[in-house]
Amino acid sequence: MMAEEDPELDALRARRMQQIQQNQFREEEMERQREEYEEKKMDLLRQILTPEAKERLGRVRLAFPEVAEAVENQLIMLYQSGRLPGKIDDKTLKTLLAQLQNRDRKREINIVRK
């Protein structure tokens, strides 16, 4: 003998399925927006950096993703505000990376107890 389906249970199942579908749609939309953002960012970086500098930044990204992200964001902000004189070459990028590295070293605090 089969038990009859409860209409309340069916309604709960339908609502839950609708929630799952909405969540999936939101996640897909967020992923699409993130991909669009990354594409636009890469297009801007192609305009800002020479091929050699872009390659160097790619290598930095492999070793230090957070540093590469910070440099990319800084370059994009400078470009959008019109403060970049031209394309950034490999030598200029190396200088910028060295400055960032030195700045991080200066933040270290050593406490000596006596």
N, C-alpha and C. Protein backbone atom coordinates (compact mmCIF):
# COMPACT_ATOMS: atom_id res chain seq x y z
N MET A 1 0.84 -1.17 0.00
CA MET A 1 0.00 0.00 0.00
C MET A 1 0.90 1.25 0.00
N MET A 2 0.55 2.20 -0.82
CA MET A 2 1.28 3.45 -0.91
C MET A 2 0.54 4.52 -0.13
N ALA A 3 1.29 5.27 0.59
CA ALA A 3 0.70 6.37 1.34
C ALA A 3 0.42 7.52 0.38
N GLU A 4 -0.64 8.25 0.65
CA GLU A 4 -0.97 9.39 -0.19
C GLU A 4 0.02 10.52 0.07
N GLU A 5 0.33 11.27 -0.96
CA GLU A 5 1.25 12.40 -0.83
C GLU A 5 0.58 13.53 -0.07
N ASP A 6 1.31 14.12 0.80
CA ASP A 6 0.84 15.23 1.61
C ASP A 6 0.98 16.51 0.80
N PRO A 7 -0.08 17.29 0.59
CA PRO A 7 0.02 18.52 -0.19
C PRO A 7 0.98 19.53 0.44
N GLU A 8 1.05 19.55 1.76
CA GLU A 8 1.96 20.47 2.43
C GLU A 8 3.42 20.09 2.14
N LEU A 9 3.69 18.77 2.13
CA LEU A 9 5.03 18.29 1.82
C LEU A 9 5.40 18.62 0.37
N ASP A 10 4.45 18.48 -0.53
CA ASP A 10 4.68 18.83 -1.94
C ASP A 10 4.99 20.32 -2.08
N ALA A 11 4.28 21.15 -1.33
CA ALA A 11 4.52 22.59 -1.39
C ALA A 11 5.91 22.92 -0.86
N LEU A 12 6.32 22.27 0.22
CA LEU A 12 7.66 22.47 0.77
C LEU A 12 8.73 22.07 -0.23
N ARG A 13 8.52 20.91 -0.87
CA ARG A 13 9.48 20.45 -1.88
C ARG A 13 9.58 21.44 -3.04
N ALA A 14 8.46 21.95 -3.48
CA ALA A 14 8.44 22.89 -4.60
C ALA A 14 9.17 24.17 -4.22
N ARG A 15 8.93 24.68 -3.00
CA ARG A 15 9.61 25.89 -2.55
C ARG A 15 11.12 25.67 -2.44
N ARG A 16 11.49 24.52 -1.93
CA ARG A 16 12.92 24.21 -1.79
C ARG A 16 13.59 24.11 -3.17
N MET A 17 12.95 23.49 -4.11
CA MET A 17 13.49 23.40 -5.48
C MET A 17 13.64 24.78 -6.08
N GLN A 18 12.67 25.65 -5.83
CA GLN A 18 12.73 27.01 -6.35
C GLN A 18 13.91 27.77 -5.72
N GLN A 19 14.13 27.58 -4.43
CA GLN A 19 15.26 28.22 -3.75
C GLN A 19 16.59 27.74 -4.33
N ILE A 20 16.69 26.44 -4.55
CA ILE A 20 17.92 25.88 -5.11
C ILE A 20 18.18 26.45 -6.49
N GLN A 21 17.15 26.54 -7.32
CA GLN A 21 17.30 27.09 -8.66
C GLN A 21 17.71 28.57 -8.62
N GLN A 22 17.10 29.33 -7.70
CA GLN A 22 17.46 30.75 -7.58
C GLN A 22 18.91 30.91 -7.13
N ASN A 23 19.33 30.10 -6.16
CA ASN A 23 20.72 30.17 -5.70
C ASN A 23 21.69 29.82 -6.82
N GLN A 24 21.34 28.81 -7.59
CA GLN A 24 22.20 28.41 -8.71
C GLN A 24 22.27 29.54 -9.74
N PHE A 25 21.15 30.18 -10.02
CA PHE A 25 21.13 31.29 -10.97
C PHE A 25 22.00 32.44 -10.47
N ARG A 26 21.89 32.77 -9.16
CA ARG A 26 22.70 33.85 -8.58
C ARG A 26 24.19 33.54 -8.68
N GLU A 27 24.55 32.30 -8.37
CA GLU A 27 25.96 31.90 -8.46
C GLU A 27 26.48 31.99 -9.89
N GLU A 28 25.68 31.56 -10.84
CA GLU A 28 26.08 31.65 -12.25
C GLU A 28 26.23 33.11 -12.67
N GLU A 29 25.34 33.96 -12.22
CA GLU A 29 25.39 35.38 -12.55
C GLU A 29 26.64 36.03 -11.94
N MET A 30 26.94 35.69 -10.69
CA MET A 30 28.12 36.24 -10.04
C MET A 30 29.39 35.77 -10.75
N GLU A 31 29.43 34.53 -11.16
CA GLU A 31 30.58 33.99 -11.89
C GLU A 31 30.75 34.71 -13.22
N ARG A 32 29.66 34.95 -13.91
CA ARG A 32 29.71 35.65 -15.19
C ARG A 32 30.23 37.07 -15.00
N GLN A 33 29.76 37.75 -13.96
CA GLN A 33 30.22 39.12 -13.68
C GLN A 33 31.70 39.14 -13.33
N ARG A 34 32.15 38.15 -12.56
CA ARG A 34 33.56 38.07 -12.20
C ARG A 34 34.42 37.85 -13.43
N GLU A 35 33.96 36.99 -14.34
CA GLU A 35 34.70 36.74 -15.58
C GLU A 35 34.76 38.00 -16.45
N GLU A 36 33.65 38.73 -16.54
CA GLU A 36 33.63 39.98 -17.30
C GLU A 36 34.61 40.99 -16.70
N TYR A 37 34.63 41.09 -15.38
CA TYR A 37 35.55 42.00 -14.70
C TYR A 37 36.99 41.63 -15.02
N GLU A 38 37.32 40.34 -14.94
CA GLU A 38 38.68 39.88 -15.22
C GLU A 38 39.07 40.16 -16.67
N GLU A 39 38.14 39.97 -17.60
CA GLU A 39 38.41 40.26 -19.01
C GLU A 39 38.71 41.74 -19.21
N LYS A 40 37.90 42.61 -18.61
CA LYS A 40 38.12 44.05 -18.74
C LYS A 40 39.46 44.44 -18.11
N LYS A 41 39.77 43.84 -16.99
CA LYS A 41 41.02 44.12 -16.30
C LYS A 41 42.21 43.71 -17.17
N MET A 42 42.13 42.54 -17.79
CA MET A 42 43.21 42.06 -18.65
C MET A 42 43.35 42.97 -19.89
N ASP A 43 42.24 43.43 -20.43
CA ASP A 43 42.29 44.35 -21.58
C ASP A 43 43.01 45.65 -21.19
N LEU A 44 42.67 46.18 -20.02
CA LEU A 44 43.34 47.40 -19.54
C LEU A 44 44.83 47.16 -19.33
N LEU A 45 45.17 46.02 -18.75
CA LEU A 45 46.58 45.74 -18.51
C LEU A 45 47.35 45.59 -19.82
N ARG A 46 46.70 45.07 -20.85
CA ARG A 46 47.35 44.98 -22.16
C ARG A 46 47.66 46.37 -22.71
N GLN A 47 46.79 47.33 -22.41
CA GLN A 47 47.01 48.71 -22.85
C GLN A 47 48.09 49.38 -22.02
N ILE A 48 48.20 49.02 -20.76
CA ILE A 48 49.11 49.68 -19.84
C ILE A 48 50.53 49.12 -19.93
N LEU A 49 50.66 47.80 -20.05
CA LEU A 49 51.95 47.13 -19.94
C LEU A 49 52.50 46.70 -21.30
N THR A 50 53.82 46.72 -21.42
CA THR A 50 54.46 46.13 -22.60
C THR A 50 54.37 44.61 -22.44
N PRO A 51 54.56 43.86 -23.52
CA PRO A 51 54.48 42.39 -23.41
C PRO A 51 55.47 41.81 -22.38
N GLU A 52 56.67 42.39 -22.32
CA GLU A 52 57.66 41.88 -21.36
C GLU A 52 57.20 42.14 -19.92
N ALA A 53 56.66 43.31 -19.67
CA ALA A 53 56.18 43.64 -18.33
C ALA A 53 54.99 42.77 -17.96
N LYS A 54 54.12 42.52 -18.92
CA LYS A 54 52.95 41.66 -18.66
C LYS A 54 53.41 40.24 -18.31
N GLU A 55 54.43 39.78 -19.02
CA GLU A 55 54.98 38.45 -18.74
C GLU A 55 55.57 38.39 -17.32
N ARG A 56 56.30 39.44 -16.95
CA ARG A 56 56.88 39.49 -15.60
C ARG A 56 55.77 39.49 -14.54
N LEU A 57 54.75 40.27 -14.78
CA LEU A 57 53.65 40.33 -13.82
C LEU A 57 52.96 38.96 -13.71
N GLY A 58 52.90 38.24 -14.81
CA GLY A 58 52.34 36.89 -14.78
C GLY A 58 53.17 35.95 -13.91
N ARG A 59 54.50 36.09 -14.01
CA ARG A 59 55.37 35.26 -13.17
C ARG A 59 55.23 35.65 -11.70
N VAL A 60 55.09 36.94 -11.43
CA VAL A 60 54.89 37.39 -10.05
C VAL A 60 53.57 36.81 -9.52
N ARG A 61 52.55 36.79 -10.37
CA ARG A 61 51.24 36.25 -9.97
C ARG A 61 51.35 34.79 -9.55
N LEU A 62 52.20 34.03 -10.23
CA LEU A 62 52.36 32.63 -9.86
C LEU A 62 52.97 32.48 -8.46
N ALA A 63 53.93 33.32 -8.15
CA ALA A 63 54.62 33.22 -6.87
C ALA A 63 53.90 33.97 -5.75
N PHE A 64 53.40 35.16 -6.07
CA PHE A 64 52.77 36.02 -5.06
C PHE A 64 51.49 36.63 -5.63
N PRO A 65 50.39 35.89 -5.63
CA PRO A 65 49.15 36.39 -6.24
C PRO A 65 48.65 37.69 -5.63
N GLU A 66 48.81 37.86 -4.31
CA GLU A 66 48.30 39.08 -3.67
C GLU A 66 49.12 40.30 -4.08
N VAL A 67 50.42 40.12 -4.29
CA VAL A 67 51.27 41.23 -4.73
C VAL A 67 50.89 41.63 -6.16
N ALA A 68 50.71 40.63 -7.02
CA ALA A 68 50.33 40.91 -8.41
C ALA A 68 48.99 41.62 -8.47
N GLU A 69 48.05 41.19 -7.66
CA GLU A 69 46.73 41.82 -7.62
C GLU A 69 46.84 43.28 -7.20
N ALA A 70 47.67 43.54 -6.18
CA ALA A 70 47.85 44.92 -5.70
C ALA A 70 48.48 45.79 -6.78
N VAL A 71 49.49 45.26 -7.47
CA VAL A 71 50.16 46.02 -8.53
C VAL A 71 49.18 46.30 -9.67
N GLU A 72 48.43 45.29 -10.06
CA GLU A 72 47.46 45.46 -11.15
C GLU A 72 46.45 46.55 -10.79
N ASN A 73 45.91 46.48 -9.59
CA ASN A 73 44.92 47.47 -9.17
C ASN A 73 45.51 48.88 -9.12
N GLN A 74 46.75 48.97 -8.64
CA GLN A 74 47.41 50.27 -8.57
C GLN A 74 47.63 50.83 -9.98
N LEU A 75 48.10 50.00 -10.89
CA LEU A 75 48.33 50.45 -12.27
C LEU A 75 47.03 50.89 -12.94
N ILE A 76 45.97 50.14 -12.71
CA ILE A 76 44.67 50.49 -13.31
C ILE A 76 44.17 51.82 -12.75
N MET A 77 44.32 52.03 -11.45
CA MET A 77 43.89 53.30 -10.85
C MET A 77 44.69 54.47 -11.43
N LEU A 78 46.00 54.29 -11.56
CA LEU A 78 46.83 55.35 -12.13
C LEU A 78 46.45 55.63 -13.58
N TYR A 79 46.18 54.58 -14.33
CA TYR A 79 45.79 54.72 -15.73
C TYR A 79 44.47 55.47 -15.85
N GLN A 80 43.50 55.08 -15.04
CA GLN A 80 42.18 55.70 -15.11
C GLN A 80 42.19 57.15 -14.65
N SER A 81 43.12 57.48 -13.76
CA SER A 81 43.21 58.87 -13.30
C SER A 81 44.09 59.71 -14.22
N GLY A 82 44.70 59.08 -15.23
CA GLY A 82 45.52 59.81 -16.20
C GLY A 82 46.92 60.13 -15.70
N ARG A 83 47.40 59.41 -14.70
CA ARG A 83 48.71 59.71 -14.14
C ARG A 83 49.81 58.80 -14.66
N LEU A 84 49.51 57.97 -15.64
CA LEU A 84 50.55 57.14 -16.27
C LEU A 84 51.04 57.85 -17.52
N PRO A 85 52.34 58.07 -17.63
CA PRO A 85 52.86 58.80 -18.78
C PRO A 85 52.77 58.01 -20.09
N GLY A 86 52.83 56.73 -20.03
CA GLY A 86 52.77 55.89 -21.22
C GLY A 86 52.72 54.44 -20.78
N LYS A 87 53.13 53.55 -21.70
CA LYS A 87 53.14 52.14 -21.33
C LYS A 87 54.24 51.87 -20.31
N ILE A 88 53.93 50.96 -19.41
CA ILE A 88 54.90 50.55 -18.39
C ILE A 88 55.74 49.43 -18.99
N ASP A 89 57.07 49.66 -19.02
CA ASP A 89 57.95 48.62 -19.54
C ASP A 89 58.44 47.73 -18.40
N ASP A 90 59.23 46.73 -18.76
CA ASP A 90 59.70 45.76 -17.78
C ASP A 90 60.56 46.42 -16.71
N LYS A 91 61.42 47.34 -17.10
CA LYS A 91 62.31 48.01 -16.14
C LYS A 91 61.50 48.82 -15.12
N THR A 92 60.50 49.53 -15.58
CA THR A 92 59.66 50.33 -14.69
C THR A 92 58.87 49.42 -13.74
N LEU A 93 58.39 48.31 -14.26
CA LEU A 93 57.65 47.37 -13.42
C LEU A 93 58.56 46.77 -12.35
N LYS A 94 59.80 46.45 -12.72
CA LYS A 94 60.75 45.93 -11.73
C LYS A 94 60.99 46.95 -10.63
N THR A 95 61.11 48.22 -11.01
CA THR A 95 61.30 49.28 -10.03
C THR A 95 60.10 49.38 -9.10
N LEU A 96 58.91 49.32 -9.67
CA LEU A 96 57.68 49.38 -8.87
C LEU A 96 57.60 48.21 -7.90
N LEU A 97 57.93 47.02 -8.37
CA LEU A 97 57.90 45.84 -7.51
C LEU A 97 58.94 45.96 -6.39
N ALA A 98 60.11 46.49 -6.71
CA ALA A 98 61.14 46.67 -5.69
C ALA A 98 60.69 47.68 -4.63
N GLN A 99 60.03 48.74 -5.06
CA GLN A 99 59.53 49.73 -4.11
C GLN A 99 58.49 49.11 -3.19
N LEU A 100 57.61 48.30 -3.75
CA LEU A 100 56.61 47.63 -2.92
C LEU A 100 57.28 46.70 -1.92
N GLN A 101 58.29 45.99 -2.37
CA GLN A 101 58.99 45.06 -1.49
C GLN A 101 59.69 45.82 -0.37
N ASN A 102 60.33 46.94 -0.68
CA ASN A 102 61.00 47.74 0.34
C ASN A 102 60.01 48.33 1.32
N ARG A 103 58.87 48.76 0.82
CA ARG A 103 57.85 49.34 1.69
C ARG A 103 57.35 48.30 2.69
N ASP A 104 57.18 47.05 2.23
CA ASP A 104 56.74 45.99 3.13
C ASP A 104 57.79 45.68 4.18
N ARG A 105 59.06 45.77 3.82
CA ARG A 105 60.13 45.51 4.77
C ARG A 105 60.19 46.58 5.85
N LYS A 106 59.88 47.80 5.48
CA LYS A 106 59.94 48.90 6.44
C LYS A 106 58.87 48.76 7.52
N ARG A 107 57.84 48.03 7.26
CA ARG A 107 56.74 47.89 8.22
C ARG A 107 57.06 46.91 9.33
N GLU A 108 58.14 46.17 9.19
CA GLU A 108 58.49 45.21 10.23
C GLU A 108 58.90 45.94 11.49
N ILE A 109 58.41 45.47 12.61
CA ILE A 109 58.72 46.07 13.90
C ILE A 109 59.41 45.02 14.75
N ASN A 110 60.59 45.39 15.23
CA ASN A 110 61.33 44.48 16.10
C ASN A 110 61.29 45.04 17.52
N ILE A 111 60.86 44.23 18.45
CA ILE A 111 60.80 44.65 19.85
C ILE A 111 61.87 43.87 20.60
N VAL A 112 62.75 44.61 21.24
CA VAL A 112 63.81 43.99 22.01
C VAL A 112 63.50 44.22 23.48
N ARG A 113 63.40 43.15 24.23
CA ARG A 113 63.12 43.25 25.66
C ARG A 113 64.41 43.12 26.43
N LYS A 114 64.55 43.93 27.43
CA LYS A 114 65.76 43.89 28.26
C LYS A 114 65.45 43.44 29.66
